[in-house]
PDB file of N, CA and C in Angstrom:
ATOM      1  N   MET A   1       2.916  23.575 -52.339  1.00  0.00           N
ATOM      2  CA  MET A   1       2.902  24.530 -51.408  1.00  0.00           C
ATOM      3  C   MET A   1       3.575  24.004 -49.938  1.00  0.00           C
ATOM      4  N   GLU A   2       3.466  23.052 -49.729  1.00  0.00           N
ATOM      5  CA  GLU A   2       4.231  22.165 -48.434  1.00  0.00           C
ATOM      6  C   GLU A   2       5.649  22.216 -48.768  1.00  0.00           C
ATOM      7  N   LEU A   3       5.769  21.994 -49.906  1.00  0.00           N
ATOM      8  CA  LEU A   3       7.428  21.905 -50.284  1.00  0.00           C
ATOM      9  C   LEU A   3       8.008  23.301 -49.881  1.00  0.00           C
ATOM     10  N   LEU A   4       7.455  24.633 -50.344  1.00  0.00           N
ATOM     11  CA  LEU A   4       7.788  25.800 -50.059  1.00  0.00           C
ATOM     12  C   LEU A   4       7.939  26.095 -48.607  1.00  0.00           C
ATOM     13  N   TRP A   5       7.200  25.529 -47.659  1.00  0.00           N
ATOM     14  CA  TRP A   5       6.995  25.658 -46.218  1.00  0.00           C
ATOM     15  C   TRP A   5       8.009  24.946 -45.619  1.00  0.00           C
ATOM     16  N   ALA A   6       8.541  23.761 -46.235  1.00  0.00           N
ATOM     17  CA  ALA A   6       9.528  22.876 -45.754  1.00  0.00           C
ATOM     18  C   ALA A   6      10.806  23.399 -46.146  1.00  0.00           C
ATOM     19  N   LEU A   7      11.250  24.041 -47.309  1.00  0.00           N
ATOM     20  CA  LEU A   7      12.209  24.833 -47.577  1.00  0.00           C
ATOM     21  C   LEU A   7      12.275  25.897 -46.623  1.00  0.00           C
ATOM     22  N   ALA A   8      11.436  26.788 -46.375  1.00  0.00           N
ATOM     23  CA  ALA A   8      11.656  27.902 -45.698  1.00  0.00           C
ATOM     24  C   ALA A   8      11.936  27.616 -44.281  1.00  0.00           C
ATOM     25  N   ILE A   9      11.294  26.726 -43.550  1.00  0.00           N
ATOM     26  CA  ILE A   9      11.707  26.207 -42.533  1.00  0.00           C
ATOM     27  C   ILE A   9      13.160  25.594 -42.267  1.00  0.00           C
ATOM     28  N   LEU A  10      13.516  24.955 -43.548  1.00  0.00           N
ATOM     29  CA  LEU A  10      15.149  24.359 -43.593  1.00  0.00           C
ATOM     30  C   LEU A  10      15.893  25.576 -43.524  1.00  0.00           C
ATOM     31  N   LEU A  11      15.588  26.526 -44.241  1.00  0.00           N
ATOM     32  CA  LEU A  11      16.595  27.940 -44.342  1.00  0.00           C
ATOM     33  C   LEU A  11      16.672  28.508 -43.180  1.00  0.00           C
ATOM     34  N   VAL A  12      15.539  28.482 -42.342  1.00  0.00           N
ATOM     35  CA  VAL A  12      15.662  29.529 -41.096  1.00  0.00           C
ATOM     36  C   VAL A  12      16.423  28.596 -39.958  1.00  0.00           C
ATOM     37  N   LEU A  13      16.287  27.269 -39.947  1.00  0.00           N
ATOM     38  CA  LEU A  13      16.812  26.485 -39.082  1.00  0.00           C
ATOM     39  C   LEU A  13      18.356  26.426 -39.676  1.00  0.00           C
ATOM     40  N   ALA A  14      18.763  26.481 -40.819  1.00  0.00           N
ATOM     41  CA  ALA A  14      19.974  26.358 -41.137  1.00  0.00           C
ATOM     42  C   ALA A  14      20.860  27.594 -41.041  1.00  0.00           C
ATOM     43  N   PHE A  15      20.365  28.780 -41.183  1.00  0.00           N
ATOM     44  CA  PHE A  15      20.927  30.117 -41.088  1.00  0.00           C
ATOM     45  C   PHE A  15      20.604  30.931 -39.824  1.00  0.00           C
ATOM     46  N   ALA A  16      19.975  30.357 -39.091  1.00  0.00           N
ATOM     47  CA  ALA A  16      19.321  31.294 -37.767  1.00  0.00           C
ATOM     48  C   ALA A  16      20.492  31.079 -36.856  1.00  0.00           C
ATOM     49  N   PRO A  17      21.128  29.758 -36.664  1.00  0.00           N
ATOM     50  CA  PRO A  17      22.383  29.833 -35.433  1.00  0.00           C
ATOM     51  C   PRO A  17      23.284  30.699 -35.853  1.00  0.00           C
ATOM     52  N   THR A  18      23.734  30.669 -37.161  1.00  0.00           N
ATOM     53  CA  THR A  18      24.837  31.331 -37.722  1.00  0.00           C
ATOM     54  C   THR A  18      24.828  32.828 -37.563  1.00  0.00           C
ATOM     55  N   ALA A  19      23.551  33.211 -37.923  1.00  0.00           N
ATOM     56  CA  ALA A  19      23.358  34.635 -38.041  1.00  0.00           C
ATOM     57  C   ALA A  19      23.395  35.102 -36.205  1.00  0.00           C
ATOM     58  N   CYS A  20      22.846  34.169 -35.348  1.00  0.00           N
ATOM     59  CA  CYS A  20      22.843  34.701 -34.007  1.00  0.00           C
ATOM     60  C   CYS A  20      24.366  34.512 -33.435  1.00  0.00           C
ATOM     61  N   PHE A  21      25.101  33.583 -33.667  1.00  0.00           N
ATOM     62  CA  PHE A  21      26.437  33.458 -33.521  1.00  0.00           C
ATOM     63  C   PHE A  21      27.270  34.726 -33.875  1.00  0.00           C
ATOM     64  N   LEU A  22      26.995  35.228 -35.248  1.00  0.00           N
ATOM     65  CA  LEU A  22      27.720  36.456 -35.650  1.00  0.00           C
ATOM     66  C   LEU A  22      27.287  37.771 -34.983  1.00  0.00           C
ATOM     67  N   LEU A  23      25.925  37.922 -34.764  1.00  0.00           N
ATOM     68  CA  LEU A  23      25.600  39.098 -33.978  1.00  0.00           C
ATOM     69  C   LEU A  23      26.270  39.043 -32.595  1.00  0.00           C
ATOM     70  N   LEU A  24      26.365  37.935 -31.817  1.00  0.00           N
ATOM     71  CA  LEU A  24      26.833  37.635 -30.475  1.00  0.00           C
ATOM     72  C   LEU A  24      28.515  38.079 -30.633  1.00  0.00           C
ATOM     73  N   LEU A  25      29.013  37.625 -31.751  1.00  0.00           N
ATOM     74  CA  LEU A  25      30.584  37.821 -31.811  1.00  0.00           C
ATOM     75  C   LEU A  25      30.616  39.419 -32.062  1.00  0.00           C
ATOM     76  N   ARG A  26      29.639  40.001 -32.800  1.00  0.00           N
ATOM     77  CA  ARG A  26      30.046  41.458 -33.246  1.00  0.00           C
ATOM     78  C   ARG A  26      29.795  42.286 -31.960  1.00  0.00           C
ATOM     79  N   GLY A  27      28.685  41.911 -31.102  1.00  0.00           N
ATOM     80  CA  GLY A  27      28.391  42.615 -29.748  1.00  0.00           C
ATOM     81  C   GLY A  27      29.532  42.538 -28.824  1.00  0.00           C
ATOM     82  N   LEU A  28      30.062  41.308 -28.766  1.00  0.00           N
ATOM     83  CA  LEU A  28      31.272  41.095 -27.797  1.00  0.00           C
ATOM     84  C   LEU A  28      32.458  41.894 -28.291  1.00  0.00           C
ATOM     85  N   GLU A  29      32.832  41.877 -29.655  1.00  0.00           N
ATOM     86  CA  GLU A  29      33.885  42.625 -30.097  1.00  0.00           C
ATOM     87  C   GLU A  29      33.501  44.283 -29.849  1.00  0.00           C
ATOM     88  N   TYR A  30      32.236  44.529 -29.703  1.00  0.00           N
ATOM     89  CA  TYR A  30      31.880  46.019 -29.677  1.00  0.00           C
ATOM     90  C   TYR A  30      32.405  46.488 -28.109  1.00  0.00           C
ATOM     91  N   LEU A  31      32.056  45.330 -27.234  1.00  0.00           N
ATOM     92  CA  LEU A  31      32.210  45.625 -25.935  1.00  0.00           C
ATOM     93  C   LEU A  31      33.550  45.553 -25.505  1.00  0.00           C
ATOM     94  N   ARG A  32      34.368  45.108 -26.129  1.00  0.00           N
ATOM     95  CA  ARG A  32      35.761  44.842 -25.639  1.00  0.00           C
ATOM     96  C   ARG A  32      36.614  45.945 -26.252  1.00  0.00           C
ATOM     97  N   ASP A  33      35.831  46.973 -27.136  1.00  0.00           N
ATOM     98  CA  ASP A  33      36.495  48.025 -27.673  1.00  0.00           C
ATOM     99  C   ASP A  33      36.873  49.086 -26.895  1.00  0.00           C
ATOM    100  N   ASP A  34      38.389  49.381 -26.954  1.00  0.00           N
ATOM    101  CA  ASP A  34      38.877  50.451 -25.968  1.00  0.00           C
ATOM    102  C   ASP A  34      38.332  51.860 -26.059  1.00  0.00           C
ATOM    103  N   ALA A  35      37.859  52.197 -27.254  1.00  0.00           N
ATOM    104  CA  ALA A  35      37.098  53.535 -27.290  1.00  0.00           C
ATOM    105  C   ALA A  35      35.902  53.431 -26.502  1.00  0.00           C
ATOM    106  N   LEU A  36      35.316  52.268 -26.313  1.00  0.00           N
ATOM    107  CA  LEU A  36      33.896  52.353 -25.723  1.00  0.00           C
ATOM    108  C   LEU A  36      34.354  52.293 -24.114  1.00  0.00           C
ATOM    109  N   ILE A  37      35.405  51.968 -23.480  1.00  0.00           N
ATOM    110  CA  ILE A  37      35.973  51.895 -22.312  1.00  0.00           C
ATOM    111  C   ILE A  37      36.397  53.460 -22.004  1.00  0.00           C
ATOM    112  N   GLN A  38      37.013  53.928 -22.974  1.00  0.00           N
ATOM    113  CA  GLN A  38      37.527  55.485 -22.742  1.00  0.00           C
ATOM    114  C   GLN A  38      36.225  56.447 -22.572  1.00  0.00           C
ATOM    115  N   GLU A  39      35.385  56.132 -23.495  1.00  0.00           N
ATOM    116  CA  GLU A  39      34.081  56.944 -23.393  1.00  0.00           C
ATOM    117  C   GLU A  39      33.269  56.647 -22.276  1.00  0.00           C
ATOM    118  N   LEU A  40      33.113  55.572 -21.597  1.00  0.00           N
ATOM    119  CA  LEU A  40      32.642  55.278 -20.436  1.00  0.00           C
ATOM    120  C   LEU A  40      33.229  55.904 -19.321  1.00  0.00           C
ATOM    121  N   GLN A  41      34.683  56.020 -19.312  1.00  0.00           N
ATOM    122  CA  GLN A  41      35.690  56.740 -18.258  1.00  0.00           C
ATOM    123  C   GLN A  41      35.356  57.950 -18.251  1.00  0.00           C
ATOM    124  N   ALA A  42      35.197  58.599 -19.537  1.00  0.00           N
ATOM    125  CA  ALA A  42      34.942  60.179 -19.698  1.00  0.00           C
ATOM    126  C   ALA A  42      33.517  60.530 -18.946  1.00  0.00           C
ATOM    127  N   THR A  43      32.520  59.907 -19.489  1.00  0.00           N
ATOM    128  CA  THR A  43      31.122  60.237 -19.245  1.00  0.00           C
ATOM    129  C   THR A  43      30.812  59.949 -17.727  1.00  0.00           C
ATOM    130  N   HIS A  44      31.315  58.770 -17.195  1.00  0.00           N
ATOM    131  CA  HIS A  44      30.908  58.525 -15.890  1.00  0.00           C
ATOM    132  C   HIS A  44      31.879  58.761 -14.813  1.00  0.00           C
ATOM    133  N   ASP A  45      33.049  59.247 -15.192  1.00  0.00           N
ATOM    134  CA  ASP A  45      34.154  59.720 -14.120  1.00  0.00           C
ATOM    135  C   ASP A  45      34.597  58.377 -13.531  1.00  0.00           C
ATOM    136  N   LEU A  46      34.900  57.299 -14.309  1.00  0.00           N
ATOM    137  CA  LEU A  46      35.183  56.065 -13.825  1.00  0.00           C
ATOM    138  C   LEU A  46      36.996  55.924 -13.794  1.00  0.00           C
ATOM    139  N   GLU A  47      37.550  55.311 -13.011  1.00  0.00           N
ATOM    140  CA  GLU A  47      38.992  54.728 -12.963  1.00  0.00           C
ATOM    141  C   GLU A  47      38.846  53.396 -12.999  1.00  0.00           C
ATOM    142  N   VAL A  48      39.366  52.880 -14.290  1.00  0.00           N
ATOM    143  CA  VAL A  48      39.559  51.633 -14.598  1.00  0.00           C
ATOM    144  C   VAL A  48      40.785  51.194 -14.152  1.00  0.00           C
ATOM    145  N   THR A  49      40.959  49.969 -13.324  1.00  0.00           N
ATOM    146  CA  THR A  49      42.372  49.442 -12.950  1.00  0.00           C
ATOM    147  C   THR A  49      42.547  48.076 -13.390  1.00  0.00           C
ATOM    148  N   HIS A  50      43.698  47.647 -13.956  1.00  0.00           N
ATOM    149  CA  HIS A  50      44.034  46.337 -14.348  1.00  0.00           C
ATOM    150  C   HIS A  50      44.592  45.344 -13.435  1.00  0.00           C
ATOM    151  N   PRO A  51      44.382  44.363 -13.101  1.00  0.00           N
ATOM    152  CA  PRO A  51      44.715  43.384 -12.221  1.00  0.00           C
ATOM    153  C   PRO A  51      46.062  43.088 -12.296  1.00  0.00           C
ATOM    154  N   LEU A  52      46.594  42.978 -13.606  1.00  0.00           N
ATOM    155  CA  LEU A  52      48.068  42.689 -13.902  1.00  0.00           C
ATOM    156  C   LEU A  52      48.607  43.590 -14.706  1.00  0.00           C
ATOM    157  N   ASP A  53      49.930  43.925 -14.421  1.00  0.00           N
ATOM    158  CA  ASP A  53      50.732  44.718 -15.052  1.00  0.00           C
ATOM    159  C   ASP A  53      51.509  43.763 -16.382  1.00  0.00           C
ATOM    160  N   ALA A  54      51.755  44.786 -17.267  1.00  0.00           N
ATOM    161  CA  ALA A  54      52.383  43.576 -18.506  1.00  0.00           C
ATOM    162  C   ALA A  54      53.862  43.386 -17.852  1.00  0.00           C
ATOM    163  N   GLY A  55      54.512  44.202 -17.028  1.00  0.00           N
ATOM    164  CA  GLY A  55      55.844  43.806 -16.662  1.00  0.00           C
ATOM    165  C   GLY A  55      55.917  43.019 -15.434  1.00  0.00           C
ATOM    166  N   GLY A  56      54.640  42.846 -14.820  1.00  0.00           N
ATOM    167  CA  GLY A  56      54.958  42.164 -13.259  1.00  0.00           C
ATOM    168  C   GLY A  56      55.088  43.362 -12.299  1.00  0.00           C
ATOM    169  N   ARG A  57      54.792  43.096 -11.145  1.00  0.00           N
ATOM    170  CA  ARG A  57      54.953  44.270 -10.217  1.00  0.00           C
ATOM    171  C   ARG A  57      55.377  43.478  -8.749  1.00  0.00           C
ATOM    172  N   SER A  58      55.990  44.194  -7.892  1.00  0.00           N
ATOM    173  CA  SER A  58      56.486  43.663  -6.793  1.00  0.00           C
ATOM    174  C   SER A  58      55.530  43.763  -5.649  1.00  0.00           C
ATOM    175  N   ASP A  59      54.632  44.866  -5.784  1.00  0.00           N
ATOM    176  CA  ASP A  59      53.733  45.062  -4.719  1.00  0.00           C
ATOM    177  C   ASP A  59      52.242  45.164  -5.338  1.00  0.00           C
ATOM    178  N   SER A  60      51.204  44.902  -4.500  1.00  0.00           N
ATOM    179  CA  SER A  60      49.851  44.838  -5.029  1.00  0.00           C
ATOM    180  C   SER A  60      49.340  46.238  -4.793  1.00  0.00           C
ATOM    181  N   SER A  61      48.220  46.531  -5.395  1.00  0.00           N
ATOM    182  CA  SER A  61      47.614  47.946  -5.614  1.00  0.00           C
ATOM    183  C   SER A  61      47.355  48.284  -4.095  1.00  0.00           C
ATOM    184  N   ASP A  62      47.131  47.543  -2.924  1.00  0.00           N
ATOM    185  CA  ASP A  62      46.855  48.251  -1.645  1.00  0.00           C
ATOM    186  C   ASP A  62      48.078  48.354  -1.017  1.00  0.00           C
ATOM    187  N   GLY A  63      49.326  48.066  -1.485  1.00  0.00           N
ATOM    188  CA  GLY A  63      50.618  48.227  -0.711  1.00  0.00           C
ATOM    189  C   GLY A  63      51.157  46.933  -0.013  1.00  0.00           C
ATOM    190  N   ALA A  64      50.162  45.852  -0.311  1.00  0.00           N
ATOM    191  CA  ALA A  64      50.806  44.598   0.371  1.00  0.00           C
ATOM    192  C   ALA A  64      52.025  44.062  -0.258  1.00  0.00           C
ATOM    193  N   THR A  65      52.985  43.371   0.574  1.00  0.00           N
ATOM    194  CA  THR A  65      54.021  42.809  -0.370  1.00  0.00           C
ATOM    195  C   THR A  65      53.668  41.409  -0.964  1.00  0.00           C
ATOM    196  N   LEU A  66      54.201  41.163  -2.127  1.00  0.00           N
ATOM    197  CA  LEU A  66      54.057  39.914  -2.729  1.00  0.00           C
ATOM    198  C   LEU A  66      55.375  39.193  -2.444  1.00  0.00           C
ATOM    199  N   VAL A  67      55.248  37.654  -2.386  1.00  0.00           N
ATOM    200  CA  VAL A  67      56.326  36.849  -2.044  1.00  0.00           C
ATOM    201  C   VAL A  67      56.074  35.873  -3.058  1.00  0.00           C
ATOM    202  N   THR A  68      57.353  35.053  -3.600  1.00  0.00           N
ATOM    203  CA  THR A  68      57.211  34.038  -4.400  1.00  0.00           C
ATOM    204  C   THR A  68      56.763  32.746  -3.825  1.00  0.00           C
ATOM    205  N   CYS A  69      56.274  31.915  -4.523  1.00  0.00           N
ATOM    206  CA  CYS A  69      55.877  30.685  -3.768  1.00  0.00           C
ATOM    207  C   CYS A  69      56.900  29.712  -4.101  1.00  0.00           C
ATOM    208  N   PRO A  70      57.633  29.086  -3.114  1.00  0.00           N
ATOM    209  CA  PRO A  70      58.557  28.028  -3.539  1.00  0.00           C
ATOM    210  C   PRO A  70      58.225  26.791  -4.407  1.00  0.00           C
ATOM    211  N   ALA A  71      56.912  26.616  -4.269  1.00  0.00           N
ATOM    212  CA  ALA A  71      56.648  25.213  -5.173  1.00  0.00           C
ATOM    213  C   ALA A  71      56.266  25.303  -6.770  1.00  0.00           C
ATOM    214  N   CYS A  72      55.496  26.691  -6.880  1.00  0.00           N
ATOM    215  CA  CYS A  72      55.292  27.038  -8.302  1.00  0.00           C
ATOM    216  C   CYS A  72      56.034  28.177  -8.801  1.00  0.00           C
ATOM    217  N   GLY A  73      56.396  29.134  -7.834  1.00  0.00           N
ATOM    218  CA  GLY A  73      57.112  30.422  -8.429  1.00  0.00           C
ATOM    219  C   GLY A  73      56.088  31.477  -8.672  1.00  0.00           C
ATOM    220  N   SER A  74      54.863  31.338  -8.420  1.00  0.00           N
ATOM    221  CA  SER A  74      53.840  32.307  -8.679  1.00  0.00           C
ATOM    222  C   SER A  74      54.162  33.660  -7.431  1.00  0.00           C
ATOM    223  N   ARG A  75      53.373  34.751  -7.741  1.00  0.00           N
ATOM    224  CA  ARG A  75      53.633  35.642  -6.649  1.00  0.00           C
ATOM    225  C   ARG A  75      52.165  35.841  -5.836  1.00  0.00           C
ATOM    226  N   THR A  76      52.240  35.626  -4.428  1.00  0.00           N
ATOM    227  CA  THR A  76      51.194  35.696  -3.738  1.00  0.00           C
ATOM    228  C   THR A  76      51.195  36.822  -2.544  1.00  0.00           C
ATOM    229  N   PRO A  77      50.247  37.290  -2.195  1.00  0.00           N
ATOM    230  CA  PRO A  77      50.483  38.223  -1.229  1.00  0.00           C
ATOM    231  C   PRO A  77      50.940  37.734   0.207  1.00  0.00           C
ATOM    232  N   ALA A  78      51.991  38.409   0.757  1.00  0.00           N
ATOM    233  CA  ALA A  78      52.522  37.933   1.984  1.00  0.00           C
ATOM    234  C   ALA A  78      51.512  37.629   3.123  1.00  0.00           C
ATOM    235  N   ALA A  79      50.426  38.183   3.055  1.00  0.00           N
ATOM    236  CA  ALA A  79      49.459  37.878   4.276  1.00  0.00           C
ATOM    237  C   ALA A  79      48.698  36.557   4.171  1.00  0.00           C
ATOM    238  N   PHE A  80      48.914  35.902   2.919  1.00  0.00           N
ATOM    239  CA  PHE A  80      48.282  34.408   2.574  1.00  0.00           C
ATOM    240  C   PHE A  80      49.339  33.351   3.235  1.00  0.00           C
ATOM    241  N   GLU A  81      48.596  32.423   3.743  1.00  0.00           N
ATOM    242  CA  GLU A  81      49.486  31.290   4.341  1.00  0.00           C
ATOM    243  C   GLU A  81      49.938  30.223   3.161  1.00  0.00           C
ATOM    244  N   VAL A  82      48.805  30.331   2.295  1.00  0.00           N
ATOM    245  CA  VAL A  82      48.846  29.278   1.295  1.00  0.00           C
ATOM    246  C   VAL A  82      49.209  30.092  -0.017  1.00  0.00           C
ATOM    247  N   CYS A  83      49.691  29.498  -1.144  1.00  0.00           N
ATOM    248  CA  CYS A  83      49.700  29.978  -2.581  1.00  0.00           C
ATOM    249  C   CYS A  83      48.365  29.952  -3.342  1.00  0.00           C
ATOM    250  N   VAL A  84      48.076  30.961  -3.707  1.00  0.00           N
ATOM    251  CA  VAL A  84      46.528  31.119  -4.743  1.00  0.00           C
ATOM    252  C   VAL A  84      46.483  30.328  -5.866  1.00  0.00           C
ATOM    253  N   VAL A  85      47.901  29.740  -6.282  1.00  0.00           N
ATOM    254  CA  VAL A  85      47.708  29.223  -7.521  1.00  0.00           C
ATOM    255  C   VAL A  85      47.628  27.511  -7.332  1.00  0.00           C
ATOM    256  N   CYS A  86      48.660  27.177  -6.579  1.00  0.00           N
ATOM    257  CA  CYS A  86      49.019  25.603  -6.196  1.00  0.00           C
ATOM    258  C   CYS A  86      48.589  25.109  -4.959  1.00  0.00           C
ATOM    259  N   ASP A  87      47.917  26.064  -3.949  1.00  0.00           N
ATOM    260  CA  ASP A  87      47.562  25.759  -2.566  1.00  0.00           C
ATOM    261  C   ASP A  87      48.668  25.093  -1.644  1.00  0.00           C
ATOM    262  N   ALA A  88      50.013  25.455  -2.006  1.00  0.00           N
ATOM    263  CA  ALA A  88      51.074  24.941  -1.194  1.00  0.00           C
ATOM    264  C   ALA A  88      51.290  26.045   0.079  1.00  0.00           C
ATOM    265  N   ARG A  89      51.811  25.702   1.177  1.00  0.00           N
ATOM    266  CA  ARG A  89      52.013  26.250   2.289  1.00  0.00           C
ATOM    267  C   ARG A  89      53.117  27.082   1.862  1.00  0.00           C
ATOM    268  N   ARG A  90      53.535  28.393   2.406  1.00  0.00           N
ATOM    269  CA  ARG A  90      54.465  29.127   1.969  1.00  0.00           C
ATOM    270  C   ARG A  90      55.842  28.656   2.484  1.00  0.00           C
ATOM    271  N   GLY A  91      55.717  28.225   3.727  1.00  0.00           N
ATOM    272  CA  GLY A  91      57.122  27.704   4.307  1.00  0.00           C
ATOM    273  C   GLY A  91      57.438  26.307   3.940  1.00  0.00           C
ATOM    274  N   SER A  92      56.766  25.443   3.146  1.00  0.00           N
ATOM    275  CA  SER A  92      56.875  24.145   2.664  1.00  0.00           C
ATOM    276  C   SER A  92      58.011  24.246   1.673  1.00  0.00           C
ATOM    277  N   PRO A  93      58.944  23.250   1.662  1.00  0.00           N
ATOM    278  CA  PRO A  93      59.622  23.114   0.399  1.00  0.00           C
ATOM    279  C   PRO A  93      58.939  22.588  -0.901  1.00  0.00           C
ATOM    280  N   PRO A  94      59.370  22.717  -2.056  1.00  0.00           N
ATOM    281  CA  PRO A  94      58.789  22.656  -3.264  1.00  0.00           C
ATOM    282  C   PRO A  94      58.690  21.066  -3.242  1.00  0.00           C
ATOM    283  N   SER A  95      57.535  20.469  -3.850  1.00  0.00           N
ATOM    284  CA  SER A  95      57.375  19.107  -4.064  1.00  0.00           C
ATOM    285  C   SER A  95      57.505  18.831  -5.662  1.00  0.00           C
ATOM    286  N   ARG A  96      58.460  17.663  -5.795  1.00  0.00           N
ATOM    287  CA  ARG A  96      58.776  17.627  -7.317  1.00  0.00           C
ATOM    288  C   ARG A  96      57.906  16.046  -7.646  1.00  0.00           C
TER     289      ARG A  96
END
């Protein structure tokens, strides 16, 4: 009888983490589903905005102008004095 309990505990300990991981993975896949996002938009009258466009853009969503960092080449709002990626000052020459 003790052997059966030991086997039962072994099976639970061996398969429970895998089952939990698979359930979590399926839940995350469900949450990223585009149909779910569209359903939420329709039922709650939401407007979903994406922070980045596929082709890049020259202006941010609030109309501020973006400038190119001389050090790393990333796009940063003109109102910022330092680059948001590499923390270089906008007026400083690139450091190599």
